């Protein structure tokens, strides 16, 4: 039997060959929920089936600009309304209550909040 290091290298080479020729995974999209935004923008996980997929492209290879707004909450769902204003659906860090924050798209500061 060949030494362990030779077997590991052979396995790594075979795995690299298989992964190098593999394309992106394809699957049928889950059915659309008429009560959520279209195109993977309706929920934190892309859709009501939590498929973690989206038809939108990622940030790309160019530079991106980000802003931080302290909302004292965990905000896993941030979506943009048809008016362009981001809406953050959050859980407060201190009261553990649900919060909805309307953010200014230019400054990302909080415009309005609801509990």
PDB file of N, CA and C in Angstrom:
ATOM      1  N   UNK A   1       0.856  -1.176   0.000  1.00  0.00           N
ATOM      2  CA  UNK A   1       0.000   0.000   0.000  1.00  0.00           C
ATOM      3  C   UNK A   1       0.901   1.238   0.000  1.00  0.00           C
ATOM      4  N   UNK A   2       0.582   2.275  -0.840  1.00  0.00           N
ATOM      5  CA  UNK A   2       1.420   3.488  -0.883  1.00  0.00           C
ATOM      6  C   UNK A   2       1.342   4.234   0.450  1.00  0.00           C
ATOM      7  N   UNK A   3       2.339   5.070   0.713  1.00  0.00           N
ATOM      8  CA  UNK A   3       2.311   5.850   1.964  1.00  0.00           C
ATOM      9  C   UNK A   3       1.073   6.739   2.029  1.00  0.00           C
ATOM     10  N   UNK A   4       0.707   7.104   3.246  1.00  0.00           N
ATOM     11  CA  UNK A   4      -0.495   7.921   3.494  1.00  0.00           C
ATOM     12  C   UNK A   4      -0.436   9.237   2.728  1.00  0.00           C
ATOM     13  N   UNK A   5       0.705   9.897   2.705  1.00  0.00           N
ATOM     14  CA  UNK A   5       0.815  11.183   2.019  1.00  0.00           C
ATOM     15  C   UNK A   5       0.546  11.041   0.524  1.00  0.00           C
ATOM     16  N   UNK A   6       0.953   9.924  -0.071  1.00  0.00           N
ATOM     17  CA  UNK A   6       0.698   9.697  -1.494  1.00  0.00           C
ATOM     18  C   UNK A   6      -0.795   9.508  -1.738  1.00  0.00           C
ATOM     19  N   UNK A   7      -1.459   8.774  -0.853  1.00  0.00           N
ATOM     20  CA  UNK A   7      -2.903   8.563  -0.999  1.00  0.00           C
ATOM     21  C   UNK A   7      -3.665   9.875  -0.843  1.00  0.00           C
ATOM     22  N   UNK A   8      -3.246  10.699   0.111  1.00  0.00           N
ATOM     23  CA  UNK A   8      -3.906  11.992   0.330  1.00  0.00           C
ATOM     24  C   UNK A   8      -3.735  12.882  -0.893  1.00  0.00           C
ATOM     25  N   UNK A   9      -2.536  12.916  -1.454  1.00  0.00           N
ATOM     26  CA  UNK A   9      -2.292  13.728  -2.651  1.00  0.00           C
ATOM     27  C   UNK A   9      -3.112  13.227  -3.834  1.00  0.00           C
ATOM     28  N   UNK A  10      -3.202  11.914  -3.989  1.00  0.00           N
ATOM     29  CA  UNK A  10      -4.001  11.343  -5.078  1.00  0.00           C
ATOM     30  C   UNK A  10      -5.472  11.694  -4.914  1.00  0.00           C
ATOM     31  N   UNK A  11      -5.968  11.610  -3.696  1.00  0.00           N
ATOM     32  CA  UNK A  11      -7.360  11.966  -3.426  1.00  0.00           C
ATOM     33  C   UNK A  11      -7.596  13.453  -3.691  1.00  0.00           C
ATOM     34  N   UNK A  12      -6.686  14.303  -3.260  1.00  0.00           N
ATOM     35  CA  UNK A  12      -6.814  15.737  -3.492  1.00  0.00           C
ATOM     36  C   UNK A  12      -6.807  16.054  -4.976  1.00  0.00           C
ATOM     37  N   UNK A  13      -5.949  15.380  -5.741  1.00  0.00           N
ATOM     38  CA  UNK A  13      -5.895  15.612  -7.191  1.00  0.00           C
ATOM     39  C   UNK A  13      -7.193  15.181  -7.855  1.00  0.00           C
ATOM     40  N   UNK A  14      -7.736  14.026  -7.450  1.00  0.00           N
ATOM     41  CA  UNK A  14      -8.992  13.553  -8.019  1.00  0.00           C
ATOM     42  C   UNK A  14     -10.137  14.504  -7.675  1.00  0.00           C
ATOM     43  N   UNK A  15     -10.171  14.967  -6.450  1.00  0.00           N
ATOM     44  CA  UNK A  15     -11.211  15.907  -6.022  1.00  0.00           C
ATOM     45  C   UNK A  15     -11.107  17.215  -6.790  1.00  0.00           C
ATOM     46  N   UNK A  16      -9.895  17.732  -6.980  1.00  0.00           N
ATOM     47  CA  UNK A  16      -9.692  18.971  -7.736  1.00  0.00           C
ATOM     48  C   UNK A  16     -10.147  18.797  -9.181  1.00  0.00           C
ATOM     49  N   UNK A  17      -9.889  17.624  -9.774  1.00  0.00           N
ATOM     50  CA  UNK A  17     -10.310  17.373 -11.156  1.00  0.00           C
ATOM     51  C   UNK A  17     -11.825  17.373 -11.269  1.00  0.00           C
ATOM     52  N   UNK A  18     -12.497  16.752 -10.316  1.00  0.00           N
ATOM     53  CA  UNK A  18     -13.959  16.696 -10.349  1.00  0.00           C
ATOM     54  C   UNK A  18     -14.552  18.083 -10.113  1.00  0.00           C
ATOM     55  N   UNK A  19     -14.076  18.793  -9.099  1.00  0.00           N
ATOM     56  CA  UNK A  19     -14.618  20.115  -8.776  1.00  0.00           C
ATOM     57  C   UNK A  19     -14.267  21.140  -9.841  1.00  0.00           C
ATOM     58  N   UNK A  20     -13.134  20.972 -10.474  1.00  0.00           N
ATOM     59  CA  UNK A  20     -12.728  21.914 -11.517  1.00  0.00           C
ATOM     60  C   UNK A  20     -13.609  21.861 -12.741  1.00  0.00           C
ATOM     61  N   UNK A  21     -14.258  20.737 -12.988  1.00  0.00           N
ATOM     62  CA  UNK A  21     -15.122  20.610 -14.161  1.00  0.00           C
ATOM     63  C   UNK A  21     -16.590  20.793 -13.814  1.00  0.00           C
ATOM     64  N   UNK A  22     -16.903  20.910 -12.552  1.00  0.00           N
ATOM     65  CA  UNK A  22     -18.302  21.055 -12.138  1.00  0.00           C
ATOM     66  C   UNK A  22     -18.785  22.481 -12.402  1.00  0.00           C
ATOM     67  N   UNK A  23     -20.008  22.606 -12.848  1.00  0.00           N
ATOM     68  CA  UNK A  23     -20.623  23.908 -13.069  1.00  0.00           C
ATOM     69  C   UNK A  23     -21.481  24.278 -11.874  1.00  0.00           C
ATOM     70  N   UNK A  24     -22.147  25.428 -11.948  1.00  0.00           N
ATOM     71  CA  UNK A  24     -23.012  25.825 -10.845  1.00  0.00           C
ATOM     72  C   UNK A  24     -24.194  24.867 -10.716  1.00  0.00           C
ATOM     73  N   UNK A  25     -24.627  24.684  -9.501  1.00  0.00           N
ATOM     74  CA  UNK A  25     -25.771  23.809  -9.255  1.00  0.00           C
ATOM     75  C   UNK A  25     -27.036  24.467  -9.784  1.00  0.00           C
ATOM     76  N   UNK A  26     -27.886  23.704 -10.372  1.00  0.00           N
ATOM     77  CA  UNK A  26     -29.147  24.201 -10.912  1.00  0.00           C
ATOM     78  C   UNK A  26     -30.288  23.398 -10.307  1.00  0.00           C
ATOM     79  N   UNK A  27     -31.355  24.093  -9.994  1.00  0.00           N
ATOM     80  CA  UNK A  27     -32.554  23.429  -9.485  1.00  0.00           C
ATOM     81  C   UNK A  27     -33.745  24.315  -9.804  1.00  0.00           C
ATOM     82  N   UNK A  28     -34.888  23.738  -9.813  1.00  0.00           N
ATOM     83  CA  UNK A  28     -36.098  24.516 -10.052  1.00  0.00           C
ATOM     84  C   UNK A  28     -36.336  25.461  -8.876  1.00  0.00           C
ATOM     85  N   UNK A  29     -36.768  26.654  -9.182  1.00  0.00           N
ATOM     86  CA  UNK A  29     -37.065  27.630  -8.135  1.00  0.00           C
ATOM     87  C   UNK A  29     -38.307  27.186  -7.370  1.00  0.00           C
ATOM     88  N   UNK A  30     -38.364  27.460  -6.064  1.00  0.00           N
ATOM     89  CA  UNK A  30     -39.578  27.120  -5.319  1.00  0.00           C
ATOM     90  C   UNK A  30     -40.734  27.986  -5.805  1.00  0.00           C
ATOM     91  N   UNK A  31     -41.952  27.553  -5.590  1.00  0.00           N
ATOM     92  CA  UNK A  31     -43.091  28.347  -6.049  1.00  0.00           C
ATOM     93  C   UNK A  31     -43.117  29.719  -5.374  1.00  0.00           C
ATOM     94  N   UNK A  32     -43.532  30.720  -6.121  1.00  0.00           N
ATOM     95  CA  UNK A  32     -43.586  32.091  -5.598  1.00  0.00           C
ATOM     96  C   UNK A  32     -44.707  32.227  -4.579  1.00  0.00           C
ATOM     97  N   UNK A  33     -44.438  32.965  -3.526  1.00  0.00           N
ATOM     98  CA  UNK A  33     -45.448  33.274  -2.523  1.00  0.00           C
ATOM     99  C   UNK A  33     -46.053  34.619  -2.917  1.00  0.00           C
ATOM    100  N   UNK A  34     -47.339  34.698  -3.181  1.00  0.00           N
ATOM    101  CA  UNK A  34     -47.936  35.954  -3.639  1.00  0.00           C
ATOM    102  C   UNK A  34     -47.919  37.060  -2.581  1.00  0.00           C
ATOM    103  N   UNK A  35     -47.583  36.717  -1.340  1.00  0.00           N
ATOM    104  CA  UNK A  35     -47.578  37.699  -0.262  1.00  0.00           C
ATOM    105  C   UNK A  35     -46.189  38.248   0.025  1.00  0.00           C
ATOM    106  N   UNK A  36     -45.180  37.819  -0.734  1.00  0.00           N
ATOM    107  CA  UNK A  36     -43.807  38.303  -0.554  1.00  0.00           C
ATOM    108  C   UNK A  36     -43.353  39.030  -1.809  1.00  0.00           C
ATOM    109  N   UNK A  37     -42.314  39.836  -1.661  1.00  0.00           N
ATOM    110  CA  UNK A  37     -41.748  40.524  -2.813  1.00  0.00           C
ATOM    111  C   UNK A  37     -41.204  39.494  -3.797  1.00  0.00           C
ATOM    112  N   UNK A  38     -41.199  39.866  -5.052  1.00  0.00           N
ATOM    113  CA  UNK A  38     -40.748  38.951  -6.104  1.00  0.00           C
ATOM    114  C   UNK A  38     -39.227  38.920  -6.207  1.00  0.00           C
ATOM    115  N   UNK A  39     -38.738  37.925  -6.903  1.00  0.00           N
ATOM    116  CA  UNK A  39     -37.327  37.873  -7.264  1.00  0.00           C
ATOM    117  C   UNK A  39     -36.357  37.668  -6.125  1.00  0.00           C
ATOM    118  N   UNK A  40     -36.719  36.932  -5.098  1.00  0.00           N
ATOM    119  CA  UNK A  40     -35.799  36.645  -4.010  1.00  0.00           C
ATOM    120  C   UNK A  40     -35.586  37.784  -3.038  1.00  0.00           C
ATOM    121  N   UNK A  41     -36.412  38.815  -3.107  1.00  0.00           N
ATOM    122  CA  UNK A  41     -36.237  39.981  -2.243  1.00  0.00           C
ATOM    123  C   UNK A  41     -37.220  40.010  -1.083  1.00  0.00           C
ATOM    124  N   UNK A  42     -37.963  38.939  -0.877  1.00  0.00           N
ATOM    125  CA  UNK A  42     -39.030  38.986   0.109  1.00  0.00           C
ATOM    126  C   UNK A  42     -38.693  38.492   1.485  1.00  0.00           C
ATOM    127  N   UNK A  43     -37.552  37.888   1.687  1.00  0.00           N
ATOM    128  CA  UNK A  43     -37.240  37.339   2.999  1.00  0.00           C
ATOM    129  C   UNK A  43     -35.735  37.155   3.137  1.00  0.00           C
ATOM    130  N   UNK A  44     -35.306  36.968   4.372  1.00  0.00           N
ATOM    131  CA  UNK A  44     -33.887  36.818   4.670  1.00  0.00           C
ATOM    132  C   UNK A  44     -33.267  35.672   3.880  1.00  0.00           C
ATOM    133  N   UNK A  45     -33.985  34.589   3.677  1.00  0.00           N
ATOM    134  CA  UNK A  45     -33.438  33.425   2.993  1.00  0.00           C
ATOM    135  C   UNK A  45     -33.888  33.343   1.542  1.00  0.00           C
ATOM    136  N   UNK A  46     -34.301  34.464   0.970  1.00  0.00           N
ATOM    137  CA  UNK A  46     -34.614  34.505  -0.451  1.00  0.00           C
ATOM    138  C   UNK A  46     -36.072  34.300  -0.796  1.00  0.00           C
ATOM    139  N   UNK A  47     -36.768  33.461  -0.063  1.00  0.00           N
ATOM    140  CA  UNK A  47     -38.167  33.186  -0.357  1.00  0.00           C
ATOM    141  C   UNK A  47     -38.790  32.458   0.837  1.00  0.00           C
ATOM    142  N   UNK A  48     -40.088  32.178   0.743  1.00  0.00           N
ATOM    143  CA  UNK A  48     -40.756  31.542   1.879  1.00  0.00           C
ATOM    144  C   UNK A  48     -40.354  30.082   2.053  1.00  0.00           C
ATOM    145  N   UNK A  49     -39.657  29.505   1.081  1.00  0.00           N
ATOM    146  CA  UNK A  49     -39.152  28.136   1.221  1.00  0.00           C
ATOM    147  C   UNK A  49     -37.755  28.120   1.826  1.00  0.00           C
ATOM    148  N   UNK A  50     -37.217  29.301   2.155  1.00  0.00           N
ATOM    149  CA  UNK A  50     -35.878  29.426   2.730  1.00  0.00           C
ATOM    150  C   UNK A  50     -34.822  28.726   1.885  1.00  0.00           C
ATOM    151  N   UNK A  51     -34.869  28.961   0.574  1.00  0.00           N
ATOM    152  CA  UNK A  51     -33.948  28.278  -0.336  1.00  0.00           C
ATOM    153  C   UNK A  51     -32.557  28.909  -0.351  1.00  0.00           C
ATOM    154  N   UNK A  52     -32.403  30.106   0.246  1.00  0.00           N
ATOM    155  CA  UNK A  52     -31.116  30.807   0.235  1.00  0.00           C
ATOM    156  C   UNK A  52     -30.599  31.033  -1.177  1.00  0.00           C
ATOM    157  N   UNK A  53     -31.501  31.258  -2.113  1.00  0.00           N
ATOM    158  CA  UNK A  53     -31.115  31.538  -3.488  1.00  0.00           C
ATOM    159  C   UNK A  53     -31.694  32.875  -3.915  1.00  0.00           C
ATOM    160  N   UNK A  54     -31.080  33.473  -4.904  1.00  0.00           N
ATOM    161  CA  UNK A  54     -31.589  34.722  -5.452  1.00  0.00           C
ATOM    162  C   UNK A  54     -31.171  34.824  -6.915  1.00  0.00           C
ATOM    163  N   UNK A  55     -32.025  35.390  -7.744  1.00  0.00           N
ATOM    164  CA  UNK A  55     -31.632  35.581  -9.146  1.00  0.00           C
ATOM    165  C   UNK A  55     -30.725  36.800  -9.326  1.00  0.00           C
ATOM    166  N   UNK A  56     -30.505  37.551  -8.282  1.00  0.00           N
ATOM    167  CA  UNK A  56     -29.697  38.764  -8.379  1.00  0.00           C
ATOM    168  C   UNK A  56     -28.211  38.429  -8.285  1.00  0.00           C
ATOM    169  N   UNK A  57     -27.423  39.266  -8.928  1.00  0.00           N
ATOM    170  CA  UNK A  57     -25.977  39.053  -8.871  1.00  0.00           C
ATOM    171  C   UNK A  57     -25.441  39.559  -7.534  1.00  0.00           C
ATOM    172  N   UNK A  58     -24.258  39.131  -7.196  1.00  0.00           N
ATOM    173  CA  UNK A  58     -23.614  39.573  -5.965  1.00  0.00           C
ATOM    174  C   UNK A  58     -23.014  40.955  -6.128  1.00  0.00           C
ATOM    175  N   UNK A  59     -22.178  41.365  -5.199  1.00  0.00           N
ATOM    176  CA  UNK A  59     -21.621  42.708  -5.256  1.00  0.00           C
ATOM    177  C   UNK A  59     -20.598  42.907  -6.373  1.00  0.00           C
ATOM    178  N   UNK A  60     -20.143  41.839  -7.004  1.00  0.00           N
ATOM    179  CA  UNK A  60     -19.186  41.975  -8.092  1.00  0.00           C
ATOM    180  C   UNK A  60     -17.763  42.102  -7.585  1.00  0.00           C
ATOM    181  N   UNK A  61     -16.877  42.492  -8.474  1.00  0.00           N
ATOM    182  CA  UNK A  61     -15.456  42.574  -8.119  1.00  0.00           C
ATOM    183  C   UNK A  61     -15.003  43.999  -7.854  1.00  0.00           C
ATOM    184  N   UNK A  62     -15.845  44.972  -8.128  1.00  0.00           N
ATOM    185  CA  UNK A  62     -15.483  46.367  -7.877  1.00  0.00           C
ATOM    186  C   UNK A  62     -15.652  46.727  -6.417  1.00  0.00           C
ATOM    187  N   UNK A  63     -15.296  47.944  -6.100  1.00  0.00           N
ATOM    188  CA  UNK A  63     -15.442  48.420  -4.732  1.00  0.00           C
ATOM    189  C   UNK A  63     -16.899  48.608  -4.352  1.00  0.00           C
ATOM    190  N   UNK A  64     -17.187  48.470  -3.096  1.00  0.00           N
ATOM    191  CA  UNK A  64     -18.530  48.711  -2.584  1.00  0.00           C
ATOM    192  C   UNK A  64     -18.461  49.723  -1.455  1.00  0.00           C
ATOM    193  N   UNK A  65     -19.547  50.406  -1.241  1.00  0.00           N
ATOM    194  CA  UNK A  65     -19.639  51.381  -0.162  1.00  0.00           C
ATOM    195  C   UNK A  65     -20.658  50.859   0.843  1.00  0.00           C
ATOM    196  N   UNK A  66     -20.308  50.881   2.104  1.00  0.00           N
ATOM    197  CA  UNK A  66     -21.244  50.447   3.126  1.00  0.00           C
ATOM    198  C   UNK A  66     -21.291  51.481   4.236  1.00  0.00           C
ATOM    199  N   UNK A  67     -22.418  51.499   4.915  1.00  0.00           N
ATOM    200  CA  UNK A  67     -22.621  52.411   6.037  1.00  0.00           C
ATOM    201  C   UNK A  67     -23.157  51.601   7.201  1.00  0.00           C
ATOM    202  N   UNK A  68     -22.793  51.995   8.389  1.00  0.00           N
ATOM    203  CA  UNK A  68     -23.265  51.311   9.587  1.00  0.00           C
ATOM    204  C   UNK A  68     -24.232  52.221  10.329  1.00  0.00           C
ATOM    205  N   UNK A  69     -25.352  51.667  10.736  1.00  0.00           N
ATOM    206  CA  UNK A  69     -26.328  52.389  11.534  1.00  0.00           C
ATOM    207  C   UNK A  69     -26.602  51.571  12.788  1.00  0.00           C
ATOM    208  N   UNK A  70     -26.373  52.156  13.944  1.00  0.00           N
ATOM    209  CA  UNK A  70     -26.581  51.450  15.208  1.00  0.00           C
ATOM    210  C   UNK A  70     -28.069  51.442  15.544  1.00  0.00           C
ATOM    211  N   UNK A  71     -28.689  50.303  15.414  1.00  0.00           N
ATOM    212  CA  UNK A  71     -30.115  50.170  15.703  1.00  0.00           C
ATOM    213  C   UNK A  71     -30.371  49.429  17.006  1.00  0.00           C
ATOM    214  N   UNK A  72     -29.314  49.011  17.709  1.00  0.00           N
ATOM    215  CA  UNK A  72     -29.425  48.233  18.944  1.00  0.00           C
ATOM    216  C   UNK A  72     -30.335  47.023  18.729  1.00  0.00           C
ATOM    217  N   UNK A  73     -30.130  46.356  17.600  1.00  0.00           N
ATOM    218  CA  UNK A  73     -30.969  45.220  17.252  1.00  0.00           C
ATOM    219  C   UNK A  73     -30.243  44.314  16.270  1.00  0.00           C
ATOM    220  N   UNK A  74     -30.673  43.073  16.208  1.00  0.00           N
ATOM    221  CA  UNK A  74     -30.220  42.139  15.179  1.00  0.00           C
ATOM    222  C   UNK A  74     -31.212  42.242  14.030  1.00  0.00           C
ATOM    223  N   UNK A  75     -30.723  42.565  12.851  1.00  0.00           N
ATOM    224  CA  UNK A  75     -31.594  42.839  11.704  1.00  0.00           C
ATOM    225  C   UNK A  75     -31.273  41.900  10.541  1.00  0.00           C
ATOM    226  N   UNK A  76     -31.770  40.662  10.590  1.00  0.00           N
ATOM    227  CA  UNK A  76     -31.431  39.720   9.526  1.00  0.00           C
ATOM    228  C   UNK A  76     -32.146  39.985   8.207  1.00  0.00           C
ATOM    229  N   UNK A  77     -33.225  40.752   8.246  1.00  0.00           N
ATOM    230  CA  UNK A  77     -33.972  41.010   7.021  1.00  0.00           C
ATOM    231  C   UNK A  77     -33.988  42.495   6.734  1.00  0.00           C
ATOM    232  N   UNK A  78     -33.353  42.872   5.636  1.00  0.00           N
ATOM    233  CA  UNK A  78     -33.384  44.257   5.165  1.00  0.00           C
ATOM    234  C   UNK A  78     -33.796  44.205   3.699  1.00  0.00           C
ATOM    235  N   UNK A  79     -34.911  44.789   3.384  1.00  0.00           N
ATOM    236  CA  UNK A  79     -35.421  44.818   2.018  1.00  0.00           C
ATOM    237  C   UNK A  79     -35.672  46.262   1.619  1.00  0.00           C
ATOM    238  N   UNK A  80     -35.718  46.521   0.327  1.00  0.00           N
ATOM    239  CA  UNK A  80     -35.998  47.870  -0.169  1.00  0.00           C
ATOM    240  C   UNK A  80     -37.411  47.904  -0.720  1.00  0.00           C
ATOM    241  N   UNK A  81     -38.155  48.911  -0.304  1.00  0.00           N
ATOM    242  CA  UNK A  81     -39.500  49.085  -0.817  1.00  0.00           C
ATOM    243  C   UNK A  81     -39.474  49.645  -2.224  1.00  0.00           C
ATOM    244  N   UNK A  82     -40.633  49.692  -2.877  1.00  0.00           N
ATOM    245  CA  UNK A  82     -40.703  50.216  -4.242  1.00  0.00           C
ATOM    246  C   UNK A  82     -40.330  51.687  -4.302  1.00  0.00           C
ATOM    247  N   UNK A  83     -40.352  52.379  -3.149  1.00  0.00           N
ATOM    248  CA  UNK A  83     -39.949  53.784  -3.101  1.00  0.00           C
ATOM    249  C   UNK A  83     -38.443  53.944  -2.907  1.00  0.00           C
ATOM    250  N   UNK A  84     -37.715  52.833  -2.788  1.00  0.00           N
ATOM    251  CA  UNK A  84     -36.267  52.887  -2.626  1.00  0.00           C
ATOM    252  C   UNK A  84     -35.797  52.964  -1.191  1.00  0.00           C
ATOM    253  N   UNK A  85     -36.718  53.052  -0.245  1.00  0.00           N
ATOM    254  CA  UNK A  85     -36.327  53.138   1.160  1.00  0.00           C
ATOM    255  C   UNK A  85     -36.097  51.738   1.730  1.00  0.00           C
ATOM    256  N   UNK A  86     -34.935  51.491   2.332  1.00  0.00           N
ATOM    257  CA  UNK A  86     -34.699  50.204   2.973  1.00  0.00           C
ATOM    258  C   UNK A  86     -35.547  50.067   4.244  1.00  0.00           C
ATOM    259  N   UNK A  87     -36.083  48.875   4.445  1.00  0.00           N
ATOM    260  CA  UNK A  87     -36.864  48.557   5.632  1.00  0.00           C
ATOM    261  C   UNK A  87     -36.151  47.406   6.338  1.00  0.00           C
ATOM    262  N   UNK A  88     -35.786  47.606   7.592  1.00  0.00           N
ATOM    263  CA  UNK A  88     -35.089  46.585   8.372  1.00  0.00           C
ATOM    264  C   UNK A  88     -36.062  45.977   9.370  1.00  0.00           C
ATOM    265  N   UNK A  89     -36.187  44.661   9.335  1.00  0.00           N
ATOM    266  CA  UNK A  89     -37.021  43.932  10.292  1.00  0.00           C
ATOM    267  C   UNK A  89     -36.052  43.313  11.301  1.00  0.00           C
ATOM    268  N   UNK A  90     -36.183  43.726  12.560  1.00  0.00           N
ATOM    269  CA  UNK A  90     -35.154  43.426  13.561  1.00  0.00           C
ATOM    270  C   UNK A  90     -35.749  42.853  14.842  1.00  0.00           C
ATOM    271  N   UNK A  91     -34.854  42.333  15.668  1.00  0.00           N
ATOM    272  CA  UNK A  91     -35.181  41.932  17.036  1.00  0.00           C
ATOM    273  C   UNK A  91     -34.295  42.752  17.953  1.00  0.00           C
ATOM    274  N   UNK A  92     -34.914  43.496  18.874  1.00  0.00           N
ATOM    275  CA  UNK A  92     -34.159  44.347  19.782  1.00  0.00           C
ATOM    276  C   UNK A  92     -33.202  43.551  20.651  1.00  0.00           C
ATOM    277  N   UNK A  93     -31.997  44.068  20.836  1.00  0.00           N
ATOM    278  CA  UNK A  93     -30.998  43.377  21.657  1.00  0.00           C
ATOM    279  C   UNK A  93     -31.368  43.373  23.134  1.00  0.00           C
ATOM    280  N   UNK A  94     -32.007  44.426  23.587  1.00  0.00           N
ATOM    281  CA  UNK A  94     -32.277  44.559  25.010  1.00  0.00           C
ATOM    282  C   UNK A  94     -33.672  44.085  25.401  1.00  0.00           C
ATOM    283  N   UNK A  95     -34.675  44.329  24.548  1.00  0.00           N
ATOM    284  CA  UNK A  95     -36.035  43.921  24.893  1.00  0.00           C
ATOM    285  C   UNK A  95     -36.501  42.669  24.154  1.00  0.00           C
ATOM    286  N   UNK A  96     -35.709  42.203  23.183  1.00  0.00           N
ATOM    287  CA  UNK A  96     -36.024  41.028  22.374  1.00  0.00           C
ATOM    288  C   UNK A  96     -37.390  41.122  21.712  1.00  0.00           C
ATOM    289  N   UNK A  97     -37.832  42.326  21.470  1.00  0.00           N
ATOM    290  CA  UNK A  97     -39.106  42.573  20.806  1.00  0.00           C
ATOM    291  C   UNK A  97     -38.852  42.857  19.323  1.00  0.00           C
ATOM    292  N   UNK A  98     -39.828  42.562  18.480  1.00  0.00           N
ATOM    293  CA  UNK A  98     -39.658  42.867  17.061  1.00  0.00           C
ATOM    294  C   UNK A  98     -39.700  44.375  16.819  1.00  0.00           C
ATOM    295  N   UNK A  99     -38.868  44.827  15.913  1.00  0.00           N
ATOM    296  CA  UNK A  99     -38.808  46.244  15.531  1.00  0.00           C
ATOM    297  C   UNK A  99     -38.759  46.330  14.019  1.00  0.00           C
ATOM    298  N   UNK A 100     -39.367  47.370  13.466  1.00  0.00           N
ATOM    299  CA  UNK A 100     -39.274  47.653  12.037  1.00  0.00           C
ATOM    300  C   UNK A 100     -38.709  49.057  11.913  1.00  0.00           C
ATOM    301  N   UNK A 101     -37.631  49.188  11.132  1.00  0.00           N
ATOM    302  CA  UNK A 101     -36.974  50.483  10.951  1.00  0.00           C
ATOM    303  C   UNK A 101     -37.012  50.865   9.484  1.00  0.00           C
ATOM    304  N   UNK A 102     -37.480  52.078   9.211  1.00  0.00           N
ATOM    305  CA  UNK A 102     -37.415  52.639   7.873  1.00  0.00           C
ATOM    306  C   UNK A 102     -36.140  53.469   7.817  1.00  0.00           C
ATOM    307  N   UNK A 103     -35.263  53.178   6.869  1.00  0.00           N
ATOM    308  CA  UNK A 103     -33.962  53.840   6.790  1.00  0.00           C
ATOM    309  C   UNK A 103     -33.913  54.813   5.622  1.00  0.00           C
ATOM    310  N   UNK A 104     -33.174  55.882   5.796  1.00  0.00           N
ATOM    311  CA  UNK A 104     -32.961  56.853   4.731  1.00  0.00           C
ATOM    312  C   UNK A 104     -31.966  56.226   3.742  1.00  0.00           C
ATOM    313  N   UNK A 105     -32.314  56.103   2.454  1.00  0.00           N
ATOM    314  CA  UNK A 105     -31.409  55.439   1.519  1.00  0.00           C
ATOM    315  C   UNK A 105     -30.109  56.203   1.274  1.00  0.00           C
ATOM    316  N   UNK A 106     -30.090  57.506   1.502  1.00  0.00           N
ATOM    317  CA  UNK A 106     -28.886  58.290   1.259  1.00  0.00           C
ATOM    318  C   UNK A 106     -27.893  58.206   2.420  1.00  0.00           C
ATOM    319  N   UNK A 107     -28.407  58.169   3.643  1.00  0.00           N
ATOM    320  CA  UNK A 107     -27.520  58.213   4.806  1.00  0.00           C
ATOM    321  C   UNK A 107     -27.549  56.931   5.623  1.00  0.00           C
ATOM    322  N   UNK A 108     -28.494  56.059   5.385  1.00  0.00           N
ATOM    323  CA  UNK A 108     -28.798  54.844   6.144  1.00  0.00           C
ATOM    324  C   UNK A 108     -29.192  55.133   7.589  1.00  0.00           C
ATOM    325  N   UNK A 109     -29.407  56.399   7.933  1.00  0.00           N
ATOM    326  CA  UNK A 109     -29.876  56.692   9.283  1.00  0.00           C
ATOM    327  C   UNK A 109     -31.357  56.330   9.394  1.00  0.00           C
ATOM    328  N   UNK A 110     -31.787  56.122  10.605  1.00  0.00           N
ATOM    329  CA  UNK A 110     -33.157  55.714  10.874  1.00  0.00           C
ATOM    330  C   UNK A 110     -34.110  56.873  10.594  1.00  0.00           C
ATOM    331  N   UNK A 111     -35.098  56.649   9.736  1.00  0.00           N
ATOM    332  CA  UNK A 111     -36.110  57.661   9.458  1.00  0.00           C
ATOM    333  C   UNK A 111     -37.290  57.523  10.411  1.00  0.00           C
ATOM    334  N   UNK A 112     -37.755  56.284  10.535  1.00  0.00           N
ATOM    335  CA  UNK A 112     -38.875  55.983  11.440  1.00  0.00           C
ATOM    336  C   UNK A 112     -38.690  54.589  12.003  1.00  0.00           C
ATOM    337  N   UNK A 113     -39.281  54.370  13.166  1.00  0.00           N
ATOM    338  CA  UNK A 113     -39.213  53.051  13.795  1.00  0.00           C
ATOM    339  C   UNK A 113     -40.569  52.685  14.346  1.00  0.00           C
ATOM    340  N   UNK A 114     -40.811  51.402  14.440  1.00  0.00           N
ATOM    341  CA  UNK A 114     -42.068  50.890  14.987  1.00  0.00           C
ATOM    342  C   UNK A 114     -41.745  49.665  15.816  1.00  0.00           C
ATOM    343  N   UNK A 115     -42.473  49.496  16.877  1.00  0.00           N
ATOM    344  CA  UNK A 115     -42.318  48.325  17.727  1.00  0.00           C
ATOM    345  C   UNK A 115     -43.603  47.591  17.854  1.00  0.00           C
TER     346      UNK A 115
END
